[in-house]
Amino acid sequence: MSASRSRSRVRTTLLTAGAAAAALTLSACSSGGTSGGGGDTNFVMGADGISTADQADRGTAPDLSGKTVDGGRLDVADYKGKVVVLNVWGSWCAPCRAEAPNLETVYKDLKNRDVQFVGINTRDTSVQNARAFEKDLGVTFPSLYDPTGKLMLRFAKGTLNPQAVPSTLVIDRDGKIAARSLAALSESKLRKMIDPVLAEK
């Protein structure tokens, strides 16, 4: 093998490894990774990175109410009896931007089937940035405005990692947390999270 071909092969290997590392970095906007951080929340992690809890073992979602990005008021408790998809996002987060169209597509498909999407916008110091994100990406479901992350801290220890943005939770009709993902979601993974909860009676 010639020296130039050997160097080319090494360069290709390094570029491939670099691309893989970059992809892993982009899967979450911070060092939060996929751990919920301590606490026993009865979640079982699947091979696809989605954690689920059996109906009998689910914890209740905390009070999630306050001002929305568009200046209104919202209380997630008002949606009891519906399946609620809760997505934590920030306008500064590239994976949030990548997954937003997937969330909007599934929201439009399921909103007439007793499924409500709610966002929690976090660590955006300006509500204008959050509004621009929603407008640019065509997000039409409401989002609570939580610039300091106080709403995320209301969850039981181990449920959410405040550093893992984006994160998505599926809350069942009884207001209990059925599934979670601590990374950006494709449309198919999002549906895989919601469908079993939607099928529950």
C-alpha atoms as a PDB file:
ATOM      1  CA  MET A   1       0.000   0.000   0.000  1.00  0.00           C
ATOM      2  CA  SER A   2       1.415   3.427  -0.907  1.00  0.00           C
ATOM      3  CA  ALA A   3       2.098   6.025   1.798  1.00  0.00           C
ATOM      4  CA  SER A   4      -0.390   8.466   0.251  1.00  0.00           C
ATOM      5  CA  ARG A   5      -3.166   5.831   0.229  1.00  0.00           C
ATOM      6  CA  SER A   6      -2.382   4.970   3.877  1.00  0.00           C
ATOM      7  CA  ARG A   7      -2.577   8.660   4.878  1.00  0.00           C
ATOM      8  CA  SER A   8      -5.860   8.980   2.987  1.00  0.00           C
ATOM      9  CA  ARG A   9      -7.320   5.995   4.860  1.00  0.00           C
ATOM     10  CA  VAL A  10      -6.222   7.426   8.248  1.00  0.00           C
ATOM     11  CA  ARG A  11      -7.726  10.825   7.315  1.00  0.00           C
ATOM     12  CA  THR A  12     -11.043   9.158   6.327  1.00  0.00           C
ATOM     13  CA  THR A  13     -11.140   7.237   9.626  1.00  0.00           C
ATOM     14  CA  LEU A  14     -10.483  10.415  11.619  1.00  0.00           C
ATOM     15  CA  LEU A  15     -13.154  12.341   9.713  1.00  0.00           C
ATOM     16  CA  THR A  16     -15.697   9.558  10.305  1.00  0.00           C
ATOM     17  CA  ALA A  17     -14.888   9.478  14.032  1.00  0.00           C
ATOM     18  CA  GLY A  18     -15.163  13.281  14.183  1.00  0.00           C
ATOM     19  CA  ALA A  19     -18.571  13.227  12.477  1.00  0.00           C
ATOM     20  CA  ALA A  20     -19.830  10.584  14.909  1.00  0.00           C
ATOM     21  CA  ALA A  21     -18.657  12.644  17.894  1.00  0.00           C
ATOM     22  CA  ALA A  22     -20.345  15.750  16.472  1.00  0.00           C
ATOM     23  CA  ALA A  23     -23.606  13.853  15.988  1.00  0.00           C
ATOM     24  CA  LEU A  24     -23.529  12.694  19.607  1.00  0.00           C
ATOM     25  CA  THR A  25     -22.854  16.239  20.781  1.00  0.00           C
ATOM     26  CA  LEU A  26     -25.844  17.545  18.808  1.00  0.00           C
ATOM     27  CA  SER A  27     -28.245  14.986  20.262  1.00  0.00           C
ATOM     28  CA  ALA A  28     -28.598  17.203  23.344  1.00  0.00           C
ATOM     29  CA  CYS A  29     -27.738  20.864  23.803  1.00  0.00           C
ATOM     30  CA  SER A  30     -25.741  20.342  26.949  1.00  0.00           C
ATOM     31  CA  SER A  31     -23.786  17.903  29.037  1.00  0.00           C
ATOM     32  CA  GLY A  32     -26.976  16.489  30.545  1.00  0.00           C
ATOM     33  CA  GLY A  33     -26.803  13.270  28.543  1.00  0.00           C
ATOM     34  CA  THR A  34     -29.646  10.818  28.996  1.00  0.00           C
ATOM     35  CA  SER A  35     -29.570  10.376  32.765  1.00  0.00           C
ATOM     36  CA  GLY A  36     -32.422  11.804  34.798  1.00  0.00           C
ATOM     37  CA  GLY A  37     -30.059  12.232  37.733  1.00  0.00           C
ATOM     38  CA  GLY A  38     -30.678  10.132  40.860  1.00  0.00           C
ATOM     39  CA  GLY A  39     -34.022   9.239  42.377  1.00  0.00           C
ATOM     40  CA  ASP A  40     -36.144   6.143  41.752  1.00  0.00           C
ATOM     41  CA  THR A  41     -38.819   7.098  39.227  1.00  0.00           C
ATOM     42  CA  ASN A  42     -39.654   3.572  37.978  1.00  0.00           C
ATOM     43  CA  PHE A  43     -38.612   4.350  34.410  1.00  0.00           C
ATOM     44  CA  VAL A  44     -37.256   1.522  32.288  1.00  0.00           C
ATOM     45  CA  MET A  45     -34.938   2.597  29.470  1.00  0.00           C
ATOM     46  CA  GLY A  46     -35.596   1.038  26.077  1.00  0.00           C
ATOM     47  CA  ALA A  47     -32.981   0.341  23.409  1.00  0.00           C
ATOM     48  CA  ASP A  48     -34.310   3.361  21.494  1.00  0.00           C
ATOM     49  CA  GLY A  49     -33.464   5.764  24.340  1.00  0.00           C
ATOM     50  CA  ILE A  50     -37.107   6.146  25.384  1.00  0.00           C
ATOM     51  CA  SER A  51     -37.890   5.417  29.043  1.00  0.00           C
ATOM     52  CA  THR A  52     -41.337   4.192  30.090  1.00  0.00           C
ATOM     53  CA  ALA A  53     -43.127   3.482  33.360  1.00  0.00           C
ATOM     54  CA  ASP A  54     -45.866   0.896  33.924  1.00  0.00           C
ATOM     55  CA  GLN A  55     -49.288   2.380  34.657  1.00  0.00           C
ATOM     56  CA  ALA A  56     -49.205   1.226  38.287  1.00  0.00           C
ATOM     57  CA  ASP A  57     -45.752   2.722  38.894  1.00  0.00           C
ATOM     58  CA  ARG A  58     -46.090   6.221  37.416  1.00  0.00           C
ATOM     59  CA  GLY A  59     -45.392   9.395  39.325  1.00  0.00           C
ATOM     60  CA  THR A  60     -47.722  12.396  39.139  1.00  0.00           C
ATOM     61  CA  ALA A  61     -46.596  15.382  37.100  1.00  0.00           C
ATOM     62  CA  PRO A  62     -46.040  18.522  39.202  1.00  0.00           C
ATOM     63  CA  ASP A  63     -47.983  21.762  38.964  1.00  0.00           C
ATOM     64  CA  LEU A  64     -47.030  23.300  35.626  1.00  0.00           C
ATOM     65  CA  SER A  65     -48.701  26.636  35.208  1.00  0.00           C
ATOM     66  CA  GLY A  66     -47.738  30.171  34.385  1.00  0.00           C
ATOM     67  CA  LYS A  67     -47.216  32.685  31.624  1.00  0.00           C
ATOM     68  CA  THR A  68     -46.878  31.507  28.040  1.00  0.00           C
ATOM     69  CA  VAL A  69     -44.459  32.662  25.357  1.00  0.00           C
ATOM     70  CA  ASP A  70     -47.309  34.515  23.634  1.00  0.00           C
ATOM     71  CA  GLY A  71     -48.276  36.366  26.842  1.00  0.00           C
ATOM     72  CA  GLY A  72     -51.255  34.227  27.890  1.00  0.00           C
ATOM     73  CA  ARG A  73     -51.698  31.926  30.883  1.00  0.00           C
ATOM     74  CA  LEU A  74     -51.658  28.131  30.883  1.00  0.00           C
ATOM     75  CA  ASP A  75     -52.187  25.391  33.457  1.00  0.00           C
ATOM     76  CA  VAL A  76     -51.359  21.843  32.339  1.00  0.00           C
ATOM     77  CA  ALA A  77     -53.833  20.514  34.951  1.00  0.00           C
ATOM     78  CA  ASP A  78     -56.626  21.882  32.734  1.00  0.00           C
ATOM     79  CA  TYR A  79     -55.782  19.101  30.234  1.00  0.00           C
ATOM     80  CA  LYS A  80     -56.432  16.234  32.672  1.00  0.00           C
ATOM     81  CA  GLY A  81     -58.323  13.544  30.756  1.00  0.00           C
ATOM     82  CA  LYS A  82     -56.104  14.117  27.716  1.00  0.00           C
ATOM     83  CA  VAL A  83     -52.677  12.720  26.907  1.00  0.00           C
ATOM     84  CA  VAL A  84     -50.210  15.608  27.267  1.00  0.00           C
ATOM     85  CA  VAL A  85     -46.922  15.743  25.375  1.00  0.00           C
ATOM     86  CA  LEU A  86     -44.565  18.084  27.224  1.00  0.00           C
ATOM     87  CA  ASN A  87     -41.502  19.308  25.335  1.00  0.00           C
ATOM     88  CA  VAL A  88     -38.669  21.301  26.956  1.00  0.00           C
ATOM     89  CA  TRP A  89     -36.889  23.549  24.442  1.00  0.00           C
ATOM     90  CA  GLY A  90     -34.829  26.700  23.950  1.00  0.00           C
ATOM     91  CA  SER A  91     -34.398  28.924  20.905  1.00  0.00           C
ATOM     92  CA  TRP A  92     -30.601  28.670  21.394  1.00  0.00           C
ATOM     93  CA  CYS A  93     -30.681  24.862  21.019  1.00  0.00           C
ATOM     94  CA  ALA A  94     -29.905  23.400  17.558  1.00  0.00           C
ATOM     95  CA  PRO A  95     -31.466  19.951  18.251  1.00  0.00           C
ATOM     96  CA  CYS A  96     -34.631  21.736  19.471  1.00  0.00           C
ATOM     97  CA  ARG A  97     -34.782  23.505  16.126  1.00  0.00           C
ATOM     98  CA  ALA A  98     -34.280  20.186  14.318  1.00  0.00           C
ATOM     99  CA  GLU A  99     -37.056  18.355  16.197  1.00  0.00           C
ATOM    100  CA  ALA A 100     -39.638  21.200  16.217  1.00  0.00           C
ATOM    101  CA  PRO A 101     -41.156  20.300  12.794  1.00  0.00           C
ATOM    102  CA  ASN A 102     -41.572  16.677  13.988  1.00  0.00           C
ATOM    103  CA  LEU A 103     -43.433  17.848  17.087  1.00  0.00           C
ATOM    104  CA  GLU A 104     -45.667  20.156  15.058  1.00  0.00           C
ATOM    105  CA  THR A 105     -46.519  17.423  12.512  1.00  0.00           C
ATOM    106  CA  VAL A 106     -47.518  14.928  15.212  1.00  0.00           C
ATOM    107  CA  TYR A 107     -49.399  17.632  17.150  1.00  0.00           C
ATOM    108  CA  LYS A 108     -51.514  18.461  14.096  1.00  0.00           C
ATOM    109  CA  ASP A 109     -52.192  14.759  13.492  1.00  0.00           C
ATOM    110  CA  LEU A 110     -53.279  14.025  17.066  1.00  0.00           C
ATOM    111  CA  LYS A 111     -54.846  17.216  18.438  1.00  0.00           C
ATOM    112  CA  ASN A 112     -58.361  15.981  17.615  1.00  0.00           C
ATOM    113  CA  ARG A 113     -57.687  12.670  19.413  1.00  0.00           C
ATOM    114  CA  ASP A 114     -57.477  14.038  22.969  1.00  0.00           C
ATOM    115  CA  VAL A 115     -53.739  14.753  22.766  1.00  0.00           C
ATOM    116  CA  GLN A 116     -52.419  18.175  23.823  1.00  0.00           C
ATOM    117  CA  PHE A 117     -48.873  19.372  23.215  1.00  0.00           C
ATOM    118  CA  VAL A 118     -47.333  21.914  25.602  1.00  0.00           C
ATOM    119  CA  GLY A 119     -43.838  23.361  25.425  1.00  0.00           C
ATOM    120  CA  ILE A 120     -41.660  24.645  28.233  1.00  0.00           C
ATOM    121  CA  ASN A 121     -39.308  27.274  26.870  1.00  0.00           C
ATOM    122  CA  THR A 122     -36.244  27.426  29.107  1.00  0.00           C
ATOM    123  CA  ARG A 123     -33.109  29.548  29.467  1.00  0.00           C
ATOM    124  CA  ASP A 124     -34.224  32.093  26.869  1.00  0.00           C
ATOM    125  CA  THR A 125     -33.478  35.440  28.493  1.00  0.00           C
ATOM    126  CA  SER A 126     -35.663  37.235  25.948  1.00  0.00           C
ATOM    127  CA  VAL A 127     -39.219  36.152  25.180  1.00  0.00           C
ATOM    128  CA  GLN A 128     -38.709  37.678  21.709  1.00  0.00           C
ATOM    129  CA  ASN A 129     -36.199  34.935  20.890  1.00  0.00           C
ATOM    130  CA  ALA A 130     -38.729  32.283  21.916  1.00  0.00           C
ATOM    131  CA  ARG A 131     -41.471  33.931  19.857  1.00  0.00           C
ATOM    132  CA  ALA A 132     -39.176  34.140  16.822  1.00  0.00           C
ATOM    133  CA  PHE A 133     -38.377  30.409  17.187  1.00  0.00           C
ATOM    134  CA  GLU A 134     -42.086  29.520  17.192  1.00  0.00           C
ATOM    135  CA  LYS A 135     -42.810  31.791  14.223  1.00  0.00           C
ATOM    136  CA  ASP A 136     -39.818  30.642  12.142  1.00  0.00           C
ATOM    137  CA  LEU A 137     -40.551  26.946  12.702  1.00  0.00           C
ATOM    138  CA  GLY A 138     -44.345  27.156  12.530  1.00  0.00           C
ATOM    139  CA  VAL A 139     -44.922  25.887  16.083  1.00  0.00           C
ATOM    140  CA  THR A 140     -48.599  26.410  16.929  1.00  0.00           C
ATOM    141  CA  PHE A 141     -49.009  24.622  20.286  1.00  0.00           C
ATOM    142  CA  PRO A 142     -48.583  26.754  23.435  1.00  0.00           C
ATOM    143  CA  SER A 143     -45.402  26.953  25.488  1.00  0.00           C
ATOM    144  CA  LEU A 144     -44.866  28.055  29.069  1.00  0.00           C
ATOM    145  CA  TYR A 145     -42.126  30.689  29.363  1.00  0.00           C
ATOM    146  CA  ASP A 146     -39.616  29.502  31.992  1.00  0.00           C
ATOM    147  CA  PRO A 147     -36.365  31.449  31.497  1.00  0.00           C
ATOM    148  CA  THR A 148     -34.801  30.363  34.812  1.00  0.00           C
ATOM    149  CA  GLY A 149     -35.831  26.681  34.678  1.00  0.00           C
ATOM    150  CA  LYS A 150     -38.037  26.840  37.803  1.00  0.00           C
ATOM    151  CA  LEU A 151     -40.730  24.617  36.273  1.00  0.00           C
ATOM    152  CA  MET A 152     -38.220  21.861  35.507  1.00  0.00           C
ATOM    153  CA  LEU A 153     -37.094  21.857  39.138  1.00  0.00           C
ATOM    154  CA  ARG A 154     -40.649  20.959  40.232  1.00  0.00           C
ATOM    155  CA  PHE A 155     -40.283  17.434  38.857  1.00  0.00           C
ATOM    156  CA  ALA A 156     -39.347  14.614  41.248  1.00  0.00           C
ATOM    157  CA  LYS A 157     -35.632  13.931  41.370  1.00  0.00           C
ATOM    158  CA  GLY A 158     -34.612  11.665  38.512  1.00  0.00           C
ATOM    159  CA  THR A 159     -37.568  12.550  36.265  1.00  0.00           C
ATOM    160  CA  LEU A 160     -35.923  15.307  34.242  1.00  0.00           C
ATOM    161  CA  ASN A 161     -32.329  16.414  33.956  1.00  0.00           C
ATOM    162  CA  PRO A 162     -32.472  20.260  33.904  1.00  0.00           C
ATOM    163  CA  GLN A 163     -29.346  20.207  31.731  1.00  0.00           C
ATOM    164  CA  ALA A 164     -30.854  17.929  29.069  1.00  0.00           C
ATOM    165  CA  VAL A 165     -32.524  20.147  26.490  1.00  0.00           C
ATOM    166  CA  PRO A 166     -34.511  19.115  24.523  1.00  0.00           C
ATOM    167  CA  SER A 167     -36.484  16.681  26.665  1.00  0.00           C
ATOM    168  CA  THR A 168     -39.966  15.281  26.079  1.00  0.00           C
ATOM    169  CA  LEU A 169     -42.411  13.701  28.523  1.00  0.00           C
ATOM    170  CA  VAL A 170     -45.725  11.978  27.806  1.00  0.00           C
ATOM    171  CA  ILE A 171     -48.268  12.465  30.598  1.00  0.00           C
ATOM    172  CA  ASP A 172     -51.204  10.067  30.712  1.00  0.00           C
ATOM    173  CA  ARG A 173     -54.896  10.964  31.097  1.00  0.00           C
ATOM    174  CA  ASP A 174     -54.581  10.781  34.894  1.00  0.00           C
ATOM    175  CA  GLY A 175     -51.780  13.363  34.982  1.00  0.00           C
ATOM    176  CA  LYS A 176     -49.004  10.793  35.520  1.00  0.00           C
ATOM    177  CA  ILE A 177     -45.702  10.580  33.662  1.00  0.00           C
ATOM    178  CA  ALA A 178     -45.767   7.593  31.310  1.00  0.00           C
ATOM    179  CA  ALA A 179     -42.710   8.088  29.091  1.00  0.00           C
ATOM    180  CA  ARG A 180     -39.730  10.352  28.566  1.00  0.00           C
ATOM    181  CA  SER A 181     -36.882  11.088  26.201  1.00  0.00           C
ATOM    182  CA  LEU A 182     -33.915  13.235  27.217  1.00  0.00           C
ATOM    183  CA  ALA A 183     -32.791  13.842  23.629  1.00  0.00           C
ATOM    184  CA  ALA A 184     -34.188  15.187  20.355  1.00  0.00           C
ATOM    185  CA  LEU A 185     -36.864  13.017  18.741  1.00  0.00           C
ATOM    186  CA  SER A 186     -37.647  11.942  15.212  1.00  0.00           C
ATOM    187  CA  GLU A 187     -41.311  11.869  14.193  1.00  0.00           C
ATOM    188  CA  SER A 188     -41.385   8.055  14.407  1.00  0.00           C
ATOM    189  CA  LYS A 189     -39.849   7.965  17.910  1.00  0.00           C
ATOM    190  CA  LEU A 190     -42.298  10.594  19.106  1.00  0.00           C
ATOM    191  CA  ARG A 191     -45.235   8.550  17.819  1.00  0.00           C
ATOM    192  CA  LYS A 192     -43.737   5.454  19.464  1.00  0.00           C
ATOM    193  CA  MET A 193     -43.788   7.318  22.788  1.00  0.00           C
ATOM    194  CA  ILE A 194     -47.359   8.555  22.445  1.00  0.00           C
ATOM    195  CA  ASP A 195     -49.236   5.661  20.827  1.00  0.00           C
ATOM    196  CA  PRO A 196     -49.173   3.179  23.751  1.00  0.00           C
ATOM    197  CA  VAL A 197     -50.345   5.879  26.187  1.00  0.00           C
ATOM    198  CA  LEU A 198     -53.073   6.991  23.799  1.00  0.00           C
ATOM    199  CA  ALA A 199     -54.259   3.362  23.518  1.00  0.00           C
ATOM    200  CA  GLU A 200     -54.675   3.019  27.297  1.00  0.00           C
ATOM    201  CA  LYS A 201     -58.181   2.977  28.767  1.00  0.00           C
END
